[in-house]
């Protein structure tokens, strides 16, 4: 496959690759720190509510489906359907943020903060940075929904799929690996 064969603009692919590298670096640093205090990281991780992470995973994956359908509909000239798909994908992003807000509120209410343990430093930084990307993605989806033209919808969907992918990549070390 050649670069010219990739869907979308090269600059968007560079943005996506750089974002993935940033999250990979953060996740790698977290895993390296875990080796220095495996039991402390496991104990800290046990304080998280995995059900919230599971709910957020379902929400984001479902919103990714809506973004993909919007992209397909836009390419087929079905602007109304594309707008609906983009709106539903953005709604999924907002629901994700709401669930994450509730999760943060519970943790902070229990006295857990960014300085509680190195695990929580990584947890709040990685999930907070991801949440910022979700918010940016919601804005992007809303903007491209205004006209629902194929190229912008494709770009918005590509960004949204990167947001989904990042969540799937940070989910195991934060919530599942013990």
N, C-alpha and C. Protein backbone atom coordinates (compact mmCIF):
# COMPACT_ATOMS: atom_id res chain seq x y z
N UNK A 1 0.84 -1.17 0.00
CA UNK A 1 0.00 0.00 0.00
C UNK A 1 0.89 1.24 0.00
N UNK A 2 0.54 2.19 -0.83
CA UNK A 2 1.27 3.45 -0.91
C UNK A 2 0.55 4.52 -0.09
N UNK A 3 1.26 5.56 0.26
CA UNK A 3 0.66 6.66 1.02
C UNK A 3 -0.52 7.24 0.25
N UNK A 4 -0.39 7.32 -1.06
CA UNK A 4 -1.47 7.86 -1.88
C UNK A 4 -2.73 7.01 -1.82
N UNK A 5 -2.61 5.76 -1.41
CA UNK A 5 -3.76 4.86 -1.34
C UNK A 5 -4.53 4.99 -0.02
N UNK A 6 -3.96 5.68 0.96
CA UNK A 6 -4.64 5.83 2.25
C UNK A 6 -5.84 6.75 2.11
N UNK A 7 -6.93 6.43 2.80
CA UNK A 7 -8.06 7.37 2.79
C UNK A 7 -7.70 8.62 3.58
N UNK A 8 -8.27 9.74 3.22
CA UNK A 8 -8.02 10.96 3.98
C UNK A 8 -6.72 11.62 3.62
N UNK A 9 -6.45 12.70 4.32
CA UNK A 9 -5.25 13.51 4.08
C UNK A 9 -4.06 12.99 4.87
N UNK A 10 -2.87 13.15 4.30
CA UNK A 10 -1.65 12.71 4.96
C UNK A 10 -1.46 13.41 6.30
N UNK A 11 -1.79 14.69 6.38
CA UNK A 11 -1.63 15.43 7.63
C UNK A 11 -2.48 14.83 8.75
N UNK A 12 -3.66 14.36 8.42
CA UNK A 12 -4.50 13.71 9.43
C UNK A 12 -3.86 12.42 9.91
N UNK A 13 -3.27 11.66 9.00
CA UNK A 13 -2.59 10.43 9.39
C UNK A 13 -1.39 10.74 10.30
N UNK A 14 -0.68 11.82 10.01
CA UNK A 14 0.44 12.23 10.86
C UNK A 14 -0.07 12.60 12.25
N UNK A 15 -1.18 13.33 12.31
CA UNK A 15 -1.78 13.68 13.60
C UNK A 15 -2.17 12.43 14.37
N UNK A 16 -2.84 11.51 13.71
CA UNK A 16 -3.29 10.28 14.36
C UNK A 16 -2.09 9.47 14.86
N UNK A 17 -1.07 9.33 14.02
CA UNK A 17 0.12 8.58 14.43
C UNK A 17 0.81 9.24 15.62
N UNK A 18 0.91 10.57 15.60
CA UNK A 18 1.57 11.25 16.72
C UNK A 18 0.77 11.11 18.00
N UNK A 19 -0.54 11.17 17.92
CA UNK A 19 -1.38 10.99 19.11
C UNK A 19 -1.23 9.57 19.66
N UNK A 20 -1.23 8.59 18.78
CA UNK A 20 -1.05 7.20 19.22
C UNK A 20 0.30 7.02 19.89
N UNK A 21 1.34 7.67 19.35
CA UNK A 21 2.67 7.56 19.95
C UNK A 21 2.71 8.21 21.34
N UNK A 22 2.01 9.32 21.52
CA UNK A 22 1.97 9.97 22.83
C UNK A 22 1.33 9.04 23.86
N UNK A 23 0.18 8.46 23.50
CA UNK A 23 -0.48 7.55 24.43
C UNK A 23 0.34 6.28 24.65
N UNK A 24 1.01 5.80 23.61
CA UNK A 24 1.87 4.62 23.76
C UNK A 24 3.02 4.92 24.71
N UNK A 25 3.59 6.11 24.62
CA UNK A 25 4.69 6.49 25.52
C UNK A 25 4.19 6.54 26.96
N UNK A 26 3.04 7.13 27.18
CA UNK A 26 2.48 7.20 28.54
C UNK A 26 2.18 5.83 29.10
N UNK A 27 1.61 4.98 28.27
CA UNK A 27 1.28 3.62 28.70
C UNK A 27 2.55 2.81 28.98
N UNK A 28 3.55 2.99 28.13
CA UNK A 28 4.83 2.29 28.34
C UNK A 28 5.49 2.74 29.63
N UNK A 29 5.47 4.04 29.88
CA UNK A 29 6.05 4.55 31.14
C UNK A 29 5.30 3.98 32.34
N UNK A 30 3.98 3.89 32.22
CA UNK A 30 3.18 3.33 33.31
C UNK A 30 3.56 1.87 33.56
N UNK A 31 3.71 1.12 32.49
CA UNK A 31 4.05 -0.30 32.64
C UNK A 31 5.46 -0.45 33.23
N UNK A 32 6.38 0.42 32.86
CA UNK A 32 7.72 0.36 33.42
C UNK A 32 7.69 0.66 34.92
N UNK A 33 6.90 1.65 35.30
CA UNK A 33 6.76 1.98 36.73
C UNK A 33 6.09 0.84 37.49
N UNK A 34 5.17 0.15 36.85
CA UNK A 34 4.49 -0.97 37.49
C UNK A 34 5.48 -2.04 37.95
N UNK A 35 6.55 -2.23 37.16
CA UNK A 35 7.55 -3.23 37.53
C UNK A 35 8.28 -2.87 38.82
N UNK A 36 8.34 -1.58 39.15
CA UNK A 36 9.05 -1.16 40.36
C UNK A 36 8.19 -1.32 41.61
N UNK A 37 6.87 -1.44 41.44
CA UNK A 37 5.95 -1.55 42.58
C UNK A 37 4.69 -2.31 42.16
N UNK A 38 4.88 -3.55 41.77
CA UNK A 38 3.76 -4.34 41.24
C UNK A 38 2.61 -4.45 42.24
N UNK A 39 2.90 -4.71 43.49
CA UNK A 39 1.82 -4.87 44.47
C UNK A 39 1.12 -3.54 44.74
N UNK A 40 1.87 -2.44 44.78
CA UNK A 40 1.26 -1.13 44.98
C UNK A 40 0.36 -0.73 43.83
N UNK A 41 0.82 -1.02 42.61
CA UNK A 41 0.00 -0.73 41.43
C UNK A 41 -1.27 -1.58 41.43
N UNK A 42 -1.12 -2.87 41.79
CA UNK A 42 -2.29 -3.76 41.83
C UNK A 42 -3.29 -3.29 42.89
N UNK A 43 -2.78 -2.89 44.06
CA UNK A 43 -3.68 -2.41 45.12
C UNK A 43 -4.40 -1.14 44.70
N UNK A 44 -3.68 -0.24 44.06
CA UNK A 44 -4.29 1.01 43.60
C UNK A 44 -5.32 0.72 42.51
N UNK A 45 -4.97 -0.16 41.61
CA UNK A 45 -5.88 -0.51 40.51
C UNK A 45 -7.17 -1.13 41.04
N UNK A 46 -7.07 -1.86 42.13
CA UNK A 46 -8.26 -2.50 42.72
C UNK A 46 -9.28 -1.47 43.20
N UNK A 47 -8.86 -0.23 43.38
CA UNK A 47 -9.78 0.81 43.84
C UNK A 47 -10.65 1.37 42.72
N UNK A 48 -10.33 1.03 41.48
CA UNK A 48 -11.12 1.50 40.33
C UNK A 48 -12.36 0.63 40.16
N UNK A 49 -13.39 1.21 39.56
CA UNK A 49 -14.63 0.49 39.28
C UNK A 49 -14.61 0.03 37.82
N UNK A 50 -14.29 -1.23 37.63
CA UNK A 50 -14.21 -1.79 36.28
C UNK A 50 -15.52 -1.75 35.53
N UNK A 51 -16.64 -1.70 36.25
CA UNK A 51 -17.94 -1.61 35.58
C UNK A 51 -18.08 -0.30 34.82
N UNK A 52 -17.53 0.78 35.38
CA UNK A 52 -17.57 2.07 34.70
C UNK A 52 -16.74 2.01 33.41
N UNK A 53 -15.59 1.36 33.48
CA UNK A 53 -14.75 1.21 32.30
C UNK A 53 -15.44 0.36 31.24
N UNK A 54 -16.11 -0.69 31.68
CA UNK A 54 -16.84 -1.54 30.73
C UNK A 54 -17.96 -0.77 30.06
N UNK A 55 -18.70 0.00 30.84
CA UNK A 55 -19.78 0.83 30.28
C UNK A 55 -19.20 1.82 29.28
N UNK A 56 -18.12 2.48 29.63
CA UNK A 56 -17.51 3.44 28.72
C UNK A 56 -16.98 2.77 27.46
N UNK A 57 -16.50 1.56 27.57
CA UNK A 57 -16.03 0.83 26.39
C UNK A 57 -17.19 0.57 25.44
N UNK A 58 -18.31 0.11 25.97
CA UNK A 58 -19.49 -0.14 25.14
C UNK A 58 -19.96 1.16 24.48
N UNK A 59 -19.97 2.23 25.25
CA UNK A 59 -20.41 3.53 24.72
C UNK A 59 -19.50 3.97 23.57
N UNK A 60 -18.18 3.91 23.77
CA UNK A 60 -17.27 4.38 22.72
C UNK A 60 -17.29 3.50 21.48
N UNK A 61 -17.34 2.19 21.67
CA UNK A 61 -17.36 1.30 20.51
C UNK A 61 -18.65 1.50 19.72
N UNK A 62 -19.76 1.69 20.42
CA UNK A 62 -21.04 1.95 19.75
C UNK A 62 -20.99 3.28 19.02
N UNK A 63 -20.42 4.28 19.64
CA UNK A 63 -20.32 5.58 18.96
C UNK A 63 -19.43 5.48 17.73
N UNK A 64 -18.41 4.64 17.79
CA UNK A 64 -17.56 4.41 16.61
C UNK A 64 -18.34 3.79 15.47
N UNK A 65 -19.27 2.91 15.80
CA UNK A 65 -20.14 2.32 14.77
C UNK A 65 -20.97 3.41 14.11
N UNK A 66 -21.53 4.33 14.93
CA UNK A 66 -22.32 5.43 14.36
C UNK A 66 -21.46 6.33 13.47
N UNK A 67 -20.22 6.57 13.87
CA UNK A 67 -19.32 7.39 13.04
C UNK A 67 -19.03 6.70 11.72
N UNK A 68 -18.80 5.40 11.75
CA UNK A 68 -18.54 4.64 10.52
C UNK A 68 -19.76 4.66 9.60
N UNK A 69 -20.93 4.51 10.18
CA UNK A 69 -22.16 4.55 9.36
C UNK A 69 -22.37 5.94 8.77
N UNK A 70 -22.02 6.97 9.54
CA UNK A 70 -22.14 8.34 9.04
C UNK A 70 -21.21 8.55 7.85
N UNK A 71 -20.01 8.00 7.96
CA UNK A 71 -19.05 8.12 6.87
C UNK A 71 -19.60 7.43 5.61
N UNK A 72 -20.12 6.25 5.78
CA UNK A 72 -20.70 5.52 4.65
C UNK A 72 -21.88 6.28 4.05
N UNK A 73 -22.75 6.78 4.92
CA UNK A 73 -23.94 7.50 4.43
C UNK A 73 -23.56 8.79 3.72
N UNK A 74 -22.57 9.49 4.25
CA UNK A 74 -22.14 10.73 3.61
C UNK A 74 -21.57 10.45 2.22
N UNK A 75 -20.78 9.40 2.11
CA UNK A 75 -20.20 9.03 0.81
C UNK A 75 -21.29 8.66 -0.19
N UNK A 76 -22.42 8.15 0.32
CA UNK A 76 -23.53 7.76 -0.56
C UNK A 76 -24.48 8.93 -0.82
N UNK A 77 -24.13 10.11 -0.32
CA UNK A 77 -24.97 11.28 -0.55
C UNK A 77 -26.17 11.39 0.38
N UNK A 78 -26.21 10.58 1.41
CA UNK A 78 -27.33 10.59 2.35
C UNK A 78 -26.97 11.49 3.55
N UNK A 79 -27.06 12.79 3.33
CA UNK A 79 -26.62 13.76 4.33
C UNK A 79 -27.43 13.69 5.62
N UNK A 80 -28.71 13.53 5.52
CA UNK A 80 -29.54 13.49 6.73
C UNK A 80 -29.14 12.32 7.61
N UNK A 81 -28.98 11.17 6.99
CA UNK A 81 -28.58 9.98 7.74
C UNK A 81 -27.16 10.14 8.30
N UNK A 82 -26.29 10.77 7.52
CA UNK A 82 -24.92 11.02 7.99
C UNK A 82 -24.94 11.94 9.20
N UNK A 83 -25.75 12.98 9.15
CA UNK A 83 -25.86 13.90 10.30
C UNK A 83 -26.35 13.17 11.54
N UNK A 84 -27.34 12.31 11.35
CA UNK A 84 -27.86 11.54 12.48
C UNK A 84 -26.76 10.66 13.08
N UNK A 85 -26.01 9.97 12.23
CA UNK A 85 -24.92 9.13 12.71
C UNK A 85 -23.87 9.93 13.46
N UNK A 86 -23.52 11.11 12.92
CA UNK A 86 -22.54 11.96 13.59
C UNK A 86 -23.08 12.45 14.93
N UNK A 87 -24.36 12.81 14.96
CA UNK A 87 -24.97 13.26 16.21
C UNK A 87 -24.97 12.14 17.24
N UNK A 88 -25.27 10.92 16.82
CA UNK A 88 -25.28 9.80 17.76
C UNK A 88 -23.87 9.46 18.23
N UNK A 89 -22.88 9.58 17.34
CA UNK A 89 -21.49 9.36 17.74
C UNK A 89 -21.07 10.42 18.76
N UNK A 90 -21.42 11.67 18.49
CA UNK A 90 -21.10 12.76 19.43
C UNK A 90 -21.81 12.56 20.77
N UNK A 91 -23.06 12.13 20.71
CA UNK A 91 -23.80 11.83 21.94
C UNK A 91 -23.09 10.75 22.74
N UNK A 92 -22.57 9.74 22.05
CA UNK A 92 -21.79 8.71 22.73
C UNK A 92 -20.57 9.30 23.42
N UNK A 93 -19.92 10.26 22.76
CA UNK A 93 -18.78 10.93 23.38
C UNK A 93 -19.19 11.68 24.64
N UNK A 94 -20.33 12.36 24.58
CA UNK A 94 -20.81 13.09 25.75
C UNK A 94 -21.18 12.13 26.89
N UNK A 95 -21.78 11.00 26.53
CA UNK A 95 -22.10 9.99 27.56
C UNK A 95 -20.82 9.43 28.19
N UNK A 96 -19.82 9.19 27.35
CA UNK A 96 -18.53 8.73 27.86
C UNK A 96 -17.99 9.73 28.88
N UNK A 97 -18.02 11.01 28.53
CA UNK A 97 -17.51 12.04 29.43
C UNK A 97 -18.31 12.11 30.73
N UNK A 98 -19.61 11.91 30.63
CA UNK A 98 -20.45 11.91 31.84
C UNK A 98 -20.07 10.75 32.76
N UNK A 99 -19.91 9.57 32.19
CA UNK A 99 -19.53 8.40 32.99
C UNK A 99 -18.14 8.62 33.61
N UNK A 100 -17.22 9.16 32.82
CA UNK A 100 -15.87 9.42 33.33
C UNK A 100 -15.92 10.46 34.45
N UNK A 101 -16.77 11.47 34.30
CA UNK A 101 -16.93 12.50 35.34
C UNK A 101 -17.43 11.86 36.65
N UNK A 102 -18.43 10.99 36.53
CA UNK A 102 -18.96 10.31 37.72
C UNK A 102 -17.86 9.45 38.35
N UNK A 103 -17.10 8.77 37.52
CA UNK A 103 -16.01 7.93 38.03
C UNK A 103 -14.97 8.79 38.76
N UNK A 104 -14.56 9.89 38.14
CA UNK A 104 -13.60 10.79 38.80
C UNK A 104 -14.17 11.32 40.11
N UNK A 105 -15.43 11.71 40.11
CA UNK A 105 -16.04 12.26 41.33
C UNK A 105 -16.03 11.24 42.45
N UNK A 106 -16.32 10.00 42.13
CA UNK A 106 -16.29 8.94 43.15
C UNK A 106 -14.88 8.76 43.71
N UNK A 107 -13.90 8.74 42.81
CA UNK A 107 -12.52 8.53 43.24
C UNK A 107 -12.02 9.70 44.09
N UNK A 108 -12.28 10.90 43.63
CA UNK A 108 -11.85 12.07 44.38
C UNK A 108 -12.58 12.14 45.72
N UNK A 109 -13.87 11.78 45.72
CA UNK A 109 -14.63 11.73 46.96
C UNK A 109 -14.10 10.71 47.95
N UNK A 110 -13.45 9.67 47.42
CA UNK A 110 -12.86 8.64 48.29
C UNK A 110 -11.42 9.01 48.69
N UNK A 111 -11.00 10.22 48.33
CA UNK A 111 -9.66 10.66 48.71
C UNK A 111 -8.57 10.25 47.74
N UNK A 112 -8.94 9.77 46.57
CA UNK A 112 -7.96 9.35 45.57
C UNK A 112 -7.68 10.54 44.65
N UNK A 113 -6.40 10.86 44.51
CA UNK A 113 -6.02 11.96 43.64
C UNK A 113 -4.79 11.61 42.83
N UNK A 114 -4.33 12.57 42.08
CA UNK A 114 -3.19 12.35 41.18
C UNK A 114 -1.91 12.04 41.95
N UNK A 115 -1.84 12.45 43.22
CA UNK A 115 -0.64 12.21 44.02
C UNK A 115 -0.78 11.07 45.02
N UNK A 116 -1.91 10.37 44.98
CA UNK A 116 -2.15 9.27 45.92
C UNK A 116 -1.13 8.15 45.76
N UNK A 117 -0.83 7.81 44.52
CA UNK A 117 0.11 6.73 44.19
C UNK A 117 0.51 6.95 42.73
N UNK A 118 1.71 6.53 42.33
CA UNK A 118 2.09 6.70 40.92
C UNK A 118 1.07 6.10 39.93
N UNK A 119 0.40 5.02 40.33
CA UNK A 119 -0.63 4.46 39.45
C UNK A 119 -1.67 5.53 39.13
N UNK A 120 -2.11 6.26 40.15
CA UNK A 120 -3.15 7.26 39.93
C UNK A 120 -2.64 8.48 39.17
N UNK A 121 -1.34 8.75 39.27
CA UNK A 121 -0.77 9.81 38.43
C UNK A 121 -0.97 9.44 36.97
N UNK A 122 -0.58 8.21 36.62
CA UNK A 122 -0.76 7.76 35.23
C UNK A 122 -2.24 7.65 34.88
N UNK A 123 -3.03 7.13 35.80
CA UNK A 123 -4.47 6.96 35.55
C UNK A 123 -5.12 8.29 35.19
N UNK A 124 -4.93 9.29 36.03
CA UNK A 124 -5.57 10.59 35.79
C UNK A 124 -4.99 11.28 34.55
N UNK A 125 -3.69 11.17 34.34
CA UNK A 125 -3.10 11.80 33.16
C UNK A 125 -3.55 11.14 31.87
N UNK A 126 -3.49 9.82 31.81
CA UNK A 126 -3.87 9.13 30.57
C UNK A 126 -5.37 9.24 30.29
N UNK A 127 -6.19 8.99 31.31
CA UNK A 127 -7.63 9.06 31.06
C UNK A 127 -8.10 10.50 30.89
N UNK A 128 -7.45 11.44 31.58
CA UNK A 128 -7.81 12.85 31.41
C UNK A 128 -7.43 13.36 30.03
N UNK A 129 -6.24 12.98 29.55
CA UNK A 129 -5.82 13.37 28.21
C UNK A 129 -6.74 12.73 27.17
N UNK A 130 -7.13 11.50 27.43
CA UNK A 130 -8.07 10.84 26.52
C UNK A 130 -9.41 11.57 26.54
N UNK A 131 -9.88 11.94 27.73
CA UNK A 131 -11.15 12.66 27.82
C UNK A 131 -11.09 13.98 27.04
N UNK A 132 -9.94 14.65 27.07
CA UNK A 132 -9.77 15.88 26.28
C UNK A 132 -9.91 15.57 24.79
N UNK A 133 -9.40 14.43 24.36
CA UNK A 133 -9.55 14.02 22.96
C UNK A 133 -11.00 13.68 22.64
N UNK A 134 -11.69 13.07 23.59
CA UNK A 134 -13.11 12.78 23.37
C UNK A 134 -13.86 14.09 23.18
N UNK A 135 -13.60 15.07 24.03
CA UNK A 135 -14.26 16.37 23.91
C UNK A 135 -13.94 17.02 22.57
N UNK A 136 -12.68 16.99 22.17
CA UNK A 136 -12.29 17.52 20.86
C UNK A 136 -13.01 16.78 19.75
N UNK A 137 -13.12 15.47 19.89
CA UNK A 137 -13.82 14.67 18.88
C UNK A 137 -15.29 15.02 18.78
N UNK A 138 -15.92 15.27 19.91
CA UNK A 138 -17.34 15.68 19.91
C UNK A 138 -17.49 16.98 19.14
N UNK A 139 -16.58 17.92 19.37
CA UNK A 139 -16.62 19.20 18.64
C UNK A 139 -16.42 18.97 17.15
N UNK A 140 -15.44 18.15 16.80
CA UNK A 140 -15.16 17.86 15.38
C UNK A 140 -16.38 17.21 14.73
N UNK A 141 -16.97 16.23 15.39
CA UNK A 141 -18.14 15.57 14.83
C UNK A 141 -19.29 16.56 14.63
N UNK A 142 -19.47 17.44 15.59
CA UNK A 142 -20.51 18.45 15.47
C UNK A 142 -20.26 19.40 14.31
N UNK A 143 -19.01 19.81 14.13
CA UNK A 143 -18.68 20.72 13.03
C UNK A 143 -18.87 20.07 11.67
N UNK A 144 -18.41 18.83 11.52
CA UNK A 144 -18.54 18.20 10.20
C UNK A 144 -19.99 17.81 9.92
N UNK A 145 -20.80 17.68 10.97
CA UNK A 145 -22.22 17.36 10.76
C UNK A 145 -22.98 18.53 10.13
N UNK A 146 -22.46 19.74 10.28
CA UNK A 146 -23.16 20.91 9.75
C UNK A 146 -23.43 20.79 8.25
N UNK A 147 -22.43 20.30 7.52
CA UNK A 147 -22.60 20.17 6.07
C UNK A 147 -22.61 18.71 5.62
N UNK A 148 -22.04 17.85 6.42
CA UNK A 148 -22.02 16.40 6.15
C UNK A 148 -21.52 16.06 4.75
N UNK A 149 -20.44 16.73 4.35
CA UNK A 149 -19.81 16.39 3.07
C UNK A 149 -18.84 15.24 3.28
N UNK A 150 -18.65 14.40 2.28
CA UNK A 150 -17.87 13.16 2.46
C UNK A 150 -16.46 13.35 3.03
N UNK A 151 -15.66 14.27 2.50
CA UNK A 151 -14.27 14.39 2.96
C UNK A 151 -14.19 14.82 4.42
N UNK A 152 -14.91 15.87 4.84
CA UNK A 152 -14.85 16.22 6.26
C UNK A 152 -15.42 15.14 7.18
N UNK A 153 -16.48 14.48 6.74
CA UNK A 153 -17.05 13.40 7.57
C UNK A 153 -16.03 12.28 7.71
N UNK A 154 -15.34 11.97 6.63
CA UNK A 154 -14.30 10.93 6.71
C UNK A 154 -13.21 11.33 7.69
N UNK A 155 -12.78 12.58 7.64
CA UNK A 155 -11.74 13.06 8.55
C UNK A 155 -12.23 13.01 10.00
N UNK A 156 -13.46 13.45 10.23
CA UNK A 156 -14.01 13.40 11.58
C UNK A 156 -14.12 11.98 12.09
N UNK A 157 -14.57 11.08 11.22
CA UNK A 157 -14.70 9.67 11.62
C UNK A 157 -13.32 9.06 11.90
N UNK A 158 -12.33 9.43 11.10
CA UNK A 158 -10.98 8.91 11.34
C UNK A 158 -10.47 9.36 12.70
N UNK A 159 -10.68 10.64 13.03
CA UNK A 159 -10.25 11.12 14.34
C UNK A 159 -11.00 10.37 15.44
N UNK A 160 -12.30 10.18 15.24
CA UNK A 160 -13.11 9.49 16.25
C UNK A 160 -12.65 8.05 16.44
N UNK A 161 -12.29 7.38 15.35
CA UNK A 161 -11.79 6.00 15.47
C UNK A 161 -10.46 5.97 16.21
N UNK A 162 -9.64 7.01 16.04
CA UNK A 162 -8.39 7.09 16.81
C UNK A 162 -8.71 7.21 18.30
N UNK A 163 -9.72 8.01 18.64
CA UNK A 163 -10.13 8.15 20.04
C UNK A 163 -10.57 6.80 20.59
N UNK A 164 -11.35 6.06 19.80
CA UNK A 164 -11.77 4.70 20.19
C UNK A 164 -10.56 3.79 20.40
N UNK A 165 -9.65 3.82 19.43
CA UNK A 165 -8.47 2.96 19.50
C UNK A 165 -7.62 3.27 20.73
N UNK A 166 -7.45 4.54 21.03
CA UNK A 166 -6.66 4.91 22.21
C UNK A 166 -7.30 4.33 23.47
N UNK A 167 -8.63 4.41 23.57
CA UNK A 167 -9.30 3.86 24.75
C UNK A 167 -9.04 2.36 24.86
N UNK A 168 -9.13 1.66 23.75
CA UNK A 168 -8.91 0.21 23.76
C UNK A 168 -7.46 -0.10 24.15
N UNK A 169 -6.54 0.77 23.80
CA UNK A 169 -5.13 0.54 24.13
C UNK A 169 -4.80 0.88 25.58
N UNK A 170 -5.45 1.91 26.15
CA UNK A 170 -5.12 2.25 27.55
C UNK A 170 -5.96 1.48 28.54
N UNK A 171 -7.05 0.90 28.09
CA UNK A 171 -7.94 0.15 28.98
C UNK A 171 -7.25 -1.00 29.71
N UNK A 172 -6.55 -1.90 29.02
CA UNK A 172 -5.93 -3.04 29.74
C UNK A 172 -4.94 -2.64 30.83
N UNK A 173 -3.94 -1.78 30.55
CA UNK A 173 -3.00 -1.48 31.63
C UNK A 173 -3.63 -0.71 32.80
N UNK A 174 -4.69 0.03 32.53
CA UNK A 174 -5.29 0.80 33.60
C UNK A 174 -6.30 -0.05 34.40
N UNK A 175 -7.14 -0.77 33.71
CA UNK A 175 -8.24 -1.46 34.39
C UNK A 175 -8.09 -2.98 34.50
N UNK A 176 -7.35 -3.61 33.61
CA UNK A 176 -7.39 -5.07 33.53
C UNK A 176 -6.14 -5.78 34.02
N UNK A 177 -4.97 -5.23 33.77
CA UNK A 177 -3.74 -5.91 34.18
C UNK A 177 -3.53 -5.75 35.67
N UNK A 178 -3.38 -6.81 36.37
CA UNK A 178 -3.22 -6.72 37.81
C UNK A 178 -2.02 -7.33 38.30
